[in-house]
């Protein structure tokens, strides 16, 4: 089996076996919905299969499939125009024991996810790509099919929105 410069398998099945779990996590983080994530990954992979040789040879398979996942998520949202009702976030409780510290950490993670979930789709995707996947703005732009400056803008606006929401929450 021939390998690309990045040592990733060029064979479609091997590549999916190696990257499938990461794509599922990415799709979940973009959609916030564990039921939609596998469908988006499957659709993206099905669309990539006919042009797999070209994508693997060019080294753009990962970016192509991630962009397909983001585009599919945005398309589904537009098609269904779903509104997701989010319950009020309970105020943070101080925990002083080790078990309490673990609970506080989990509460913080839940609160962070709720905040990120409230972002518009493109901003959410940009934040996930930047801080969870640790990608550069150029890579984010490639995945989101936008210029690098727009990717920076998505992340900047998302962070400003998150800061505002956090400030709102602390004033209550």
N, C-alpha and C. Protein backbone atom coordinates (compact mmCIF):
# COMPACT_ATOMS: atom_id res chain seq x y z
N UNK A 1 0.85 -1.18 0.00
CA UNK A 1 0.00 0.00 0.00
C UNK A 1 0.89 1.24 0.00
N UNK A 2 0.63 2.18 -0.88
CA UNK A 2 1.42 3.40 -0.98
C UNK A 2 0.98 4.37 0.11
N UNK A 3 1.92 5.11 0.63
CA UNK A 3 1.62 6.07 1.67
C UNK A 3 1.85 7.49 1.14
N UNK A 4 1.11 8.45 1.70
CA UNK A 4 1.29 9.84 1.33
C UNK A 4 2.47 10.41 2.12
N UNK A 5 2.81 11.65 1.86
CA UNK A 5 3.91 12.29 2.55
C UNK A 5 3.65 12.38 4.04
N UNK A 6 2.39 12.42 4.46
CA UNK A 6 2.05 12.55 5.87
C UNK A 6 1.92 11.18 6.53
N UNK A 7 2.31 10.10 5.83
CA UNK A 7 2.23 8.74 6.34
C UNK A 7 0.81 8.29 6.64
N UNK A 8 -0.17 8.86 5.99
CA UNK A 8 -1.54 8.41 6.15
C UNK A 8 -1.83 7.42 5.03
N UNK A 9 -2.64 6.40 5.32
CA UNK A 9 -2.97 5.42 4.27
C UNK A 9 -3.66 6.08 3.09
N UNK A 10 -3.32 5.63 1.89
CA UNK A 10 -3.96 6.17 0.69
C UNK A 10 -5.19 5.35 0.33
N UNK A 11 -5.27 4.11 0.81
CA UNK A 11 -6.42 3.25 0.57
C UNK A 11 -7.61 3.79 1.37
N UNK A 12 -8.75 3.92 0.73
CA UNK A 12 -9.93 4.53 1.37
C UNK A 12 -10.32 3.81 2.65
N UNK A 13 -10.42 2.49 2.60
CA UNK A 13 -10.83 1.72 3.78
C UNK A 13 -9.86 1.88 4.93
N UNK A 14 -8.59 1.85 4.65
CA UNK A 14 -7.58 2.01 5.70
C UNK A 14 -7.62 3.42 6.28
N UNK A 15 -7.82 4.39 5.41
CA UNK A 15 -7.88 5.77 5.87
C UNK A 15 -9.08 5.98 6.78
N UNK A 16 -10.23 5.45 6.37
CA UNK A 16 -11.45 5.58 7.19
C UNK A 16 -11.26 4.87 8.52
N UNK A 17 -10.63 3.69 8.51
CA UNK A 17 -10.39 2.97 9.77
C UNK A 17 -9.49 3.79 10.70
N UNK A 18 -8.50 4.48 10.11
CA UNK A 18 -7.57 5.28 10.92
C UNK A 18 -8.18 6.59 11.39
N UNK A 19 -9.00 7.23 10.59
CA UNK A 19 -9.50 8.58 10.90
C UNK A 19 -10.98 8.63 11.28
N UNK A 20 -11.69 7.52 11.18
CA UNK A 20 -13.13 7.50 11.41
C UNK A 20 -13.56 8.02 12.76
N UNK A 21 -12.90 7.57 13.82
CA UNK A 21 -13.28 8.00 15.17
C UNK A 21 -13.09 9.51 15.34
N UNK A 22 -12.00 10.04 14.83
CA UNK A 22 -11.75 11.49 14.93
C UNK A 22 -12.79 12.27 14.14
N UNK A 23 -13.20 11.76 12.98
CA UNK A 23 -14.24 12.43 12.19
C UNK A 23 -15.58 12.40 12.92
N UNK A 24 -15.88 11.30 13.60
CA UNK A 24 -17.12 11.21 14.38
C UNK A 24 -17.11 12.25 15.50
N UNK A 25 -15.99 12.37 16.22
CA UNK A 25 -15.89 13.37 17.30
C UNK A 25 -16.05 14.77 16.73
N UNK A 26 -15.38 15.02 15.61
CA UNK A 26 -15.48 16.33 14.99
C UNK A 26 -16.93 16.65 14.62
N UNK A 27 -17.61 15.70 13.99
CA UNK A 27 -19.00 15.91 13.59
C UNK A 27 -19.89 16.15 14.80
N UNK A 28 -19.64 15.42 15.88
CA UNK A 28 -20.43 15.63 17.09
C UNK A 28 -20.20 17.03 17.65
N UNK A 29 -18.95 17.47 17.67
CA UNK A 29 -18.65 18.80 18.20
C UNK A 29 -19.24 19.90 17.32
N UNK A 30 -19.28 19.67 16.03
CA UNK A 30 -19.86 20.67 15.12
C UNK A 30 -21.38 20.72 15.27
N UNK A 31 -22.02 19.55 15.37
CA UNK A 31 -23.48 19.51 15.41
C UNK A 31 -24.05 19.60 16.81
N UNK A 32 -23.31 19.09 17.79
CA UNK A 32 -23.83 19.03 19.14
C UNK A 32 -24.89 17.94 19.30
N UNK A 33 -24.96 17.04 18.32
CA UNK A 33 -26.01 16.03 18.32
C UNK A 33 -25.39 14.69 17.95
N UNK A 34 -25.45 13.74 18.89
CA UNK A 34 -24.82 12.44 18.64
C UNK A 34 -25.57 11.61 17.61
N UNK A 35 -26.83 11.94 17.34
CA UNK A 35 -27.59 11.20 16.32
C UNK A 35 -27.24 11.67 14.91
N UNK A 36 -26.99 12.94 14.74
CA UNK A 36 -26.69 13.49 13.42
C UNK A 36 -25.23 13.26 12.99
N UNK A 37 -24.33 13.18 13.95
CA UNK A 37 -22.90 13.09 13.64
C UNK A 37 -22.55 11.91 12.74
N UNK A 38 -22.99 10.67 13.04
CA UNK A 38 -22.62 9.56 12.16
C UNK A 38 -23.18 9.72 10.74
N UNK A 39 -24.38 10.27 10.63
CA UNK A 39 -24.97 10.48 9.30
C UNK A 39 -24.14 11.47 8.48
N UNK A 40 -23.70 12.54 9.13
CA UNK A 40 -22.89 13.53 8.43
C UNK A 40 -21.56 12.94 7.98
N UNK A 41 -20.94 12.14 8.83
CA UNK A 41 -19.67 11.51 8.46
C UNK A 41 -19.89 10.55 7.30
N UNK A 42 -20.94 9.76 7.39
CA UNK A 42 -21.22 8.80 6.32
C UNK A 42 -21.48 9.52 5.00
N UNK A 43 -22.26 10.59 5.02
CA UNK A 43 -22.53 11.35 3.80
C UNK A 43 -21.24 11.94 3.23
N UNK A 44 -20.40 12.49 4.11
CA UNK A 44 -19.15 13.10 3.65
C UNK A 44 -18.23 12.04 3.03
N UNK A 45 -18.16 10.88 3.66
CA UNK A 45 -17.31 9.81 3.11
C UNK A 45 -17.87 9.28 1.79
N UNK A 46 -19.20 9.17 1.70
CA UNK A 46 -19.81 8.70 0.46
C UNK A 46 -19.53 9.68 -0.68
N UNK A 47 -19.54 10.98 -0.38
CA UNK A 47 -19.25 11.98 -1.41
C UNK A 47 -17.77 11.97 -1.79
N UNK A 48 -16.90 11.61 -0.85
CA UNK A 48 -15.46 11.62 -1.12
C UNK A 48 -15.00 10.38 -1.88
N UNK A 49 -15.72 9.27 -1.73
CA UNK A 49 -15.27 8.01 -2.33
C UNK A 49 -15.04 8.09 -3.85
N UNK A 50 -15.95 8.69 -4.65
CA UNK A 50 -15.71 8.73 -6.10
C UNK A 50 -14.45 9.49 -6.50
N UNK A 51 -14.02 10.44 -5.70
CA UNK A 51 -12.83 11.22 -6.04
C UNK A 51 -11.68 10.94 -5.08
N UNK A 52 -11.72 9.77 -4.42
CA UNK A 52 -10.74 9.45 -3.39
C UNK A 52 -9.30 9.49 -3.90
N UNK A 53 -9.05 8.93 -5.06
CA UNK A 53 -7.68 8.89 -5.58
C UNK A 53 -7.10 10.30 -5.68
N UNK A 54 -7.89 11.24 -6.22
CA UNK A 54 -7.41 12.62 -6.37
C UNK A 54 -7.17 13.25 -5.00
N UNK A 55 -8.09 13.04 -4.08
CA UNK A 55 -7.96 13.64 -2.74
C UNK A 55 -6.74 13.09 -2.01
N UNK A 56 -6.56 11.78 -2.07
CA UNK A 56 -5.43 11.16 -1.39
C UNK A 56 -4.11 11.60 -2.00
N UNK A 57 -4.07 11.69 -3.33
CA UNK A 57 -2.84 12.09 -4.01
C UNK A 57 -2.48 13.54 -3.68
N UNK A 58 -3.50 14.41 -3.62
CA UNK A 58 -3.26 15.82 -3.32
C UNK A 58 -3.06 16.07 -1.83
N UNK A 59 -3.40 15.09 -0.99
CA UNK A 59 -3.27 15.27 0.45
C UNK A 59 -4.36 16.15 1.05
N UNK A 60 -5.50 16.25 0.36
CA UNK A 60 -6.58 17.12 0.83
C UNK A 60 -7.80 16.35 1.32
N UNK A 61 -7.66 15.06 1.51
CA UNK A 61 -8.81 14.24 1.89
C UNK A 61 -9.42 14.69 3.21
N UNK A 62 -8.59 14.89 4.22
CA UNK A 62 -9.09 15.29 5.54
C UNK A 62 -9.83 16.63 5.46
N UNK A 63 -9.25 17.60 4.81
CA UNK A 63 -9.89 18.92 4.70
C UNK A 63 -11.20 18.82 3.92
N UNK A 64 -11.20 18.05 2.85
CA UNK A 64 -12.40 17.89 2.03
C UNK A 64 -13.53 17.28 2.85
N UNK A 65 -13.23 16.23 3.60
CA UNK A 65 -14.26 15.54 4.36
C UNK A 65 -14.74 16.41 5.52
N UNK A 66 -13.84 17.09 6.19
CA UNK A 66 -14.26 18.00 7.28
C UNK A 66 -15.14 19.12 6.75
N UNK A 67 -14.75 19.67 5.62
CA UNK A 67 -15.58 20.73 5.03
C UNK A 67 -16.95 20.18 4.65
N UNK A 68 -17.00 18.96 4.15
CA UNK A 68 -18.28 18.32 3.82
C UNK A 68 -19.14 18.14 5.06
N UNK A 69 -18.52 17.79 6.18
CA UNK A 69 -19.26 17.63 7.43
C UNK A 69 -19.84 18.97 7.87
N UNK A 70 -19.03 20.02 7.84
CA UNK A 70 -19.51 21.35 8.24
C UNK A 70 -20.63 21.81 7.31
N UNK A 71 -20.41 21.66 5.99
CA UNK A 71 -21.44 22.08 5.04
C UNK A 71 -22.72 21.28 5.23
N UNK A 72 -22.59 19.97 5.48
CA UNK A 72 -23.77 19.14 5.71
C UNK A 72 -24.52 19.56 6.95
N UNK A 73 -23.79 19.93 7.99
CA UNK A 73 -24.42 20.40 9.23
C UNK A 73 -25.19 21.69 9.00
N UNK A 74 -24.57 22.61 8.30
CA UNK A 74 -25.23 23.88 8.00
C UNK A 74 -26.46 23.64 7.12
N UNK A 75 -26.35 22.78 6.14
CA UNK A 75 -27.48 22.47 5.25
C UNK A 75 -28.63 21.86 6.01
N UNK A 76 -28.33 20.93 6.92
CA UNK A 76 -29.40 20.32 7.72
C UNK A 76 -30.09 21.35 8.59
N UNK A 77 -29.28 22.23 9.19
CA UNK A 77 -29.86 23.25 10.04
C UNK A 77 -30.78 24.17 9.23
N UNK A 78 -30.32 24.57 8.08
CA UNK A 78 -31.15 25.43 7.22
C UNK A 78 -32.41 24.72 6.78
N UNK A 79 -32.28 23.45 6.43
CA UNK A 79 -33.42 22.69 5.93
C UNK A 79 -34.48 22.52 7.01
N UNK A 80 -34.06 22.20 8.20
CA UNK A 80 -35.01 21.90 9.27
C UNK A 80 -35.32 23.09 10.15
N UNK A 81 -34.48 24.11 10.12
CA UNK A 81 -34.69 25.31 10.94
C UNK A 81 -35.08 24.95 12.37
N UNK A 82 -34.32 24.03 12.91
CA UNK A 82 -34.61 23.57 14.27
C UNK A 82 -34.21 24.61 15.29
N UNK A 83 -35.01 24.70 16.31
CA UNK A 83 -34.65 25.49 17.47
C UNK A 83 -34.40 24.52 18.61
N UNK A 84 -33.25 24.63 19.22
CA UNK A 84 -32.93 23.76 20.33
C UNK A 84 -33.11 24.56 21.60
N UNK A 85 -34.00 24.09 22.45
CA UNK A 85 -34.25 24.77 23.71
C UNK A 85 -33.19 24.32 24.70
N UNK A 86 -32.53 25.29 25.29
CA UNK A 86 -31.49 25.01 26.26
C UNK A 86 -32.02 25.44 27.62
N UNK A 87 -31.95 24.52 28.58
CA UNK A 87 -32.39 24.85 29.93
C UNK A 87 -31.47 25.89 30.53
N UNK A 88 -31.99 26.60 31.52
CA UNK A 88 -31.16 27.59 32.20
C UNK A 88 -29.98 26.91 32.87
N UNK A 89 -28.84 27.56 32.77
CA UNK A 89 -27.65 27.03 33.39
C UNK A 89 -27.71 27.37 34.88
N UNK A 90 -27.54 26.35 35.71
CA UNK A 90 -27.55 26.59 37.15
C UNK A 90 -26.27 27.31 37.53
N UNK A 91 -26.35 28.17 38.55
CA UNK A 91 -25.11 28.84 38.98
C UNK A 91 -24.09 27.82 39.49
N UNK A 92 -22.83 28.15 39.28
CA UNK A 92 -21.77 27.25 39.70
C UNK A 92 -21.77 27.13 41.22
N UNK A 93 -21.51 25.91 41.70
CA UNK A 93 -21.49 25.64 43.13
C UNK A 93 -20.05 25.38 43.53
N UNK A 94 -19.62 25.99 44.63
CA UNK A 94 -18.27 25.75 45.11
C UNK A 94 -18.20 24.37 45.74
N UNK A 95 -17.21 23.58 45.32
CA UNK A 95 -16.99 22.25 45.88
C UNK A 95 -15.61 22.25 46.52
N UNK A 96 -15.52 21.73 47.74
CA UNK A 96 -14.26 21.79 48.45
C UNK A 96 -13.60 20.44 48.65
N UNK A 97 -14.25 19.36 48.30
CA UNK A 97 -13.65 18.04 48.45
C UNK A 97 -13.10 17.58 47.12
N UNK A 98 -12.31 16.49 47.15
CA UNK A 98 -11.77 15.96 45.89
C UNK A 98 -12.89 15.55 44.96
N UNK A 99 -13.91 14.87 45.49
CA UNK A 99 -15.06 14.50 44.66
C UNK A 99 -15.74 15.76 44.16
N UNK A 100 -15.79 16.76 44.99
CA UNK A 100 -16.39 18.03 44.60
C UNK A 100 -15.58 18.70 43.51
N UNK A 101 -14.23 18.59 43.59
CA UNK A 101 -13.38 19.16 42.54
C UNK A 101 -13.67 18.50 41.20
N UNK A 102 -13.84 17.19 41.23
CA UNK A 102 -14.15 16.46 39.99
C UNK A 102 -15.51 16.91 39.46
N UNK A 103 -16.48 17.06 40.35
CA UNK A 103 -17.81 17.52 39.94
C UNK A 103 -17.74 18.94 39.38
N UNK A 104 -16.95 19.78 40.01
CA UNK A 104 -16.81 21.16 39.52
C UNK A 104 -16.20 21.16 38.13
N UNK A 105 -15.21 20.27 37.90
CA UNK A 105 -14.58 20.18 36.58
C UNK A 105 -15.61 19.74 35.54
N UNK A 106 -16.42 18.75 35.90
CA UNK A 106 -17.46 18.29 34.98
C UNK A 106 -18.51 19.37 34.74
N UNK A 107 -18.87 20.10 35.80
CA UNK A 107 -19.83 21.19 35.64
C UNK A 107 -19.26 22.26 34.71
N UNK A 108 -17.97 22.57 34.87
CA UNK A 108 -17.33 23.55 33.99
C UNK A 108 -17.34 23.09 32.55
N UNK A 109 -17.06 21.81 32.33
CA UNK A 109 -17.06 21.27 30.96
C UNK A 109 -18.46 21.33 30.37
N UNK A 110 -19.48 21.00 31.16
CA UNK A 110 -20.86 21.08 30.68
C UNK A 110 -21.24 22.52 30.34
N UNK A 111 -20.84 23.44 31.21
CA UNK A 111 -21.14 24.84 30.96
C UNK A 111 -20.42 25.35 29.71
N UNK A 112 -19.17 24.93 29.54
CA UNK A 112 -18.41 25.33 28.35
C UNK A 112 -19.09 24.79 27.10
N UNK A 113 -19.53 23.53 27.15
CA UNK A 113 -20.19 22.96 25.97
C UNK A 113 -21.50 23.70 25.68
N UNK A 114 -22.26 24.05 26.71
CA UNK A 114 -23.50 24.79 26.48
C UNK A 114 -23.22 26.14 25.83
N UNK A 115 -22.17 26.80 26.28
CA UNK A 115 -21.81 28.09 25.69
C UNK A 115 -21.41 27.92 24.23
N UNK A 116 -20.58 26.94 23.94
CA UNK A 116 -20.13 26.71 22.57
C UNK A 116 -21.33 26.30 21.70
N UNK A 117 -22.25 25.53 22.25
CA UNK A 117 -23.43 25.09 21.49
C UNK A 117 -24.32 26.25 21.08
N UNK A 118 -24.24 27.35 21.83
CA UNK A 118 -25.09 28.50 21.52
C UNK A 118 -24.56 29.34 20.36
N UNK A 119 -23.34 29.04 19.91
CA UNK A 119 -22.75 29.82 18.82
C UNK A 119 -23.39 29.44 17.48
N UNK A 120 -23.38 30.38 16.52
CA UNK A 120 -23.80 30.02 15.16
C UNK A 120 -22.90 28.92 14.61
N UNK A 121 -23.41 28.15 13.65
CA UNK A 121 -22.73 26.96 13.14
C UNK A 121 -21.29 27.22 12.69
N UNK A 122 -21.07 28.23 11.89
CA UNK A 122 -19.72 28.48 11.36
C UNK A 122 -18.76 28.88 12.50
N UNK A 123 -19.24 29.69 13.44
CA UNK A 123 -18.40 30.09 14.56
C UNK A 123 -18.09 28.88 15.44
N UNK A 124 -19.10 28.05 15.67
CA UNK A 124 -18.88 26.85 16.48
C UNK A 124 -17.84 25.95 15.82
N UNK A 125 -18.00 25.75 14.51
CA UNK A 125 -17.04 24.91 13.79
C UNK A 125 -15.63 25.50 13.88
N UNK A 126 -15.51 26.81 13.73
CA UNK A 126 -14.20 27.45 13.78
C UNK A 126 -13.56 27.30 15.16
N UNK A 127 -14.35 27.45 16.22
CA UNK A 127 -13.83 27.30 17.58
C UNK A 127 -13.40 25.86 17.83
N UNK A 128 -14.21 24.91 17.40
CA UNK A 128 -13.86 23.49 17.57
C UNK A 128 -12.57 23.18 16.82
N UNK A 129 -12.47 23.65 15.58
CA UNK A 129 -11.26 23.39 14.79
C UNK A 129 -10.03 24.05 15.41
N UNK A 130 -10.19 25.24 15.94
CA UNK A 130 -9.04 25.97 16.48
C UNK A 130 -8.58 25.41 17.82
N UNK A 131 -9.52 25.20 18.74
CA UNK A 131 -9.13 24.88 20.10
C UNK A 131 -9.23 23.39 20.44
N UNK A 132 -10.09 22.65 19.77
CA UNK A 132 -10.17 21.21 20.04
C UNK A 132 -9.24 20.45 19.10
N UNK A 133 -9.29 20.81 17.82
CA UNK A 133 -8.45 20.13 16.83
C UNK A 133 -7.08 20.78 16.70
N UNK A 134 -6.89 21.98 17.27
CA UNK A 134 -5.61 22.69 17.25
C UNK A 134 -5.10 22.95 15.84
N UNK A 135 -5.99 23.40 14.96
CA UNK A 135 -5.63 23.69 13.58
C UNK A 135 -5.29 25.17 13.42
N UNK A 136 -4.50 25.48 12.41
CA UNK A 136 -4.16 26.86 12.11
C UNK A 136 -5.35 27.54 11.42
N UNK A 137 -5.31 28.85 11.36
CA UNK A 137 -6.38 29.58 10.69
C UNK A 137 -6.44 29.25 9.20
N UNK A 138 -5.28 29.01 8.61
CA UNK A 138 -5.26 28.62 7.19
C UNK A 138 -5.97 27.29 6.99
N UNK A 139 -5.72 26.33 7.89
CA UNK A 139 -6.39 25.03 7.80
C UNK A 139 -7.89 25.16 8.04
N UNK A 140 -8.25 26.01 8.99
CA UNK A 140 -9.67 26.24 9.27
C UNK A 140 -10.35 26.85 8.05
N UNK A 141 -9.69 27.81 7.43
CA UNK A 141 -10.23 28.42 6.22
C UNK A 141 -10.44 27.41 5.12
N UNK A 142 -9.50 26.49 4.97
CA UNK A 142 -9.62 25.44 3.96
C UNK A 142 -10.82 24.55 4.25
N UNK A 143 -11.00 24.16 5.50
CA UNK A 143 -12.10 23.27 5.87
C UNK A 143 -13.45 23.98 5.75
N UNK A 144 -13.51 25.24 6.17
CA UNK A 144 -14.77 25.98 6.13
C UNK A 144 -15.01 26.64 4.78
N UNK A 145 -14.07 26.47 3.85
CA UNK A 145 -14.17 27.03 2.51
C UNK A 145 -14.32 28.55 2.55
N UNK A 146 -13.39 29.17 3.27
CA UNK A 146 -13.38 30.62 3.38
C UNK A 146 -11.93 31.08 3.48
N UNK A 147 -11.68 32.36 3.25
CA UNK A 147 -10.32 32.87 3.38
C UNK A 147 -9.83 32.76 4.83
N UNK A 148 -8.53 32.74 5.00
CA UNK A 148 -7.94 32.65 6.34
C UNK A 148 -8.43 33.80 7.22
N UNK A 149 -8.54 34.99 6.66
CA UNK A 149 -9.01 36.14 7.44
C UNK A 149 -10.43 35.93 7.95
N UNK A 150 -11.27 35.29 7.16
CA UNK A 150 -12.64 35.02 7.59
C UNK A 150 -12.63 33.98 8.71
N UNK A 151 -11.75 32.99 8.62
CA UNK A 151 -11.63 32.00 9.69
C UNK A 151 -11.23 32.69 10.99
N UNK A 152 -10.26 33.61 10.90
CA UNK A 152 -9.86 34.38 12.08
C UNK A 152 -11.04 35.17 12.63
N UNK A 153 -11.81 35.76 11.74
CA UNK A 153 -12.97 36.55 12.15
C UNK A 153 -14.00 35.67 12.86
N UNK A 154 -14.25 34.46 12.32
CA UNK A 154 -15.20 33.54 12.97
C UNK A 154 -14.76 33.24 14.40
N UNK A 155 -13.48 32.93 14.57
CA UNK A 155 -12.97 32.60 15.90
C UNK A 155 -13.04 33.83 16.80
N UNK A 156 -12.61 34.98 16.30
CA UNK A 156 -12.62 36.21 17.09
C UNK A 156 -14.04 36.56 17.55
N UNK A 157 -14.99 36.51 16.64
CA UNK A 157 -16.38 36.83 16.99
C UNK A 157 -16.96 35.81 17.96
N UNK A 158 -16.62 34.55 17.77
CA UNK A 158 -17.10 33.51 18.68
C UNK A 158 -16.57 33.75 20.09
N UNK A 159 -15.29 34.05 20.20
CA UNK A 159 -14.71 34.30 21.52
C UNK A 159 -15.32 35.54 22.17
N UNK A 160 -15.57 36.58 21.37
CA UNK A 160 -16.21 37.78 21.92
C UNK A 160 -17.60 37.45 22.44
N UNK A 161 -18.33 36.65 21.68
CA UNK A 161 -19.67 36.24 22.09
C UNK A 161 -19.63 35.40 23.37
N UNK A 162 -18.66 34.48 23.44
CA UNK A 162 -18.52 33.65 24.63
C UNK A 162 -18.14 34.49 25.85
N UNK A 163 -17.24 35.45 25.67
CA UNK A 163 -16.87 36.33 26.78
C UNK A 163 -18.08 37.12 27.28
N UNK A 164 -18.87 37.61 26.33
CA UNK A 164 -20.07 38.38 26.71
C UNK A 164 -21.04 37.50 27.50
N UNK A 165 -21.24 36.27 27.05
CA UNK A 165 -22.15 35.35 27.76
C UNK A 165 -21.63 35.04 29.15
N UNK A 166 -20.29 34.87 29.27
CA UNK A 166 -19.72 34.59 30.58
C UNK A 166 -19.85 35.78 31.52
N UNK A 167 -19.65 36.97 30.98
CA UNK A 167 -19.81 38.18 31.77
C UNK A 167 -21.27 38.34 32.20
N UNK A 168 -22.19 38.08 31.30
CA UNK A 168 -23.62 38.10 31.62
C UNK A 168 -23.92 37.18 32.79
N UNK A 169 -23.39 35.96 32.71
CA UNK A 169 -23.65 34.96 33.74
C UNK A 169 -23.07 35.33 35.09
N UNK A 170 -21.92 36.01 35.11
CA UNK A 170 -21.31 36.36 36.39
C UNK A 170 -21.96 37.56 37.04
N UNK A 171 -22.71 38.36 36.28
CA UNK A 171 -23.39 39.53 36.83
C UNK A 171 -24.69 39.19 37.50
N UNK A 172 -25.17 37.97 37.29
CA UNK A 172 -26.47 37.59 37.88
C UNK A 172 -26.38 37.34 39.33
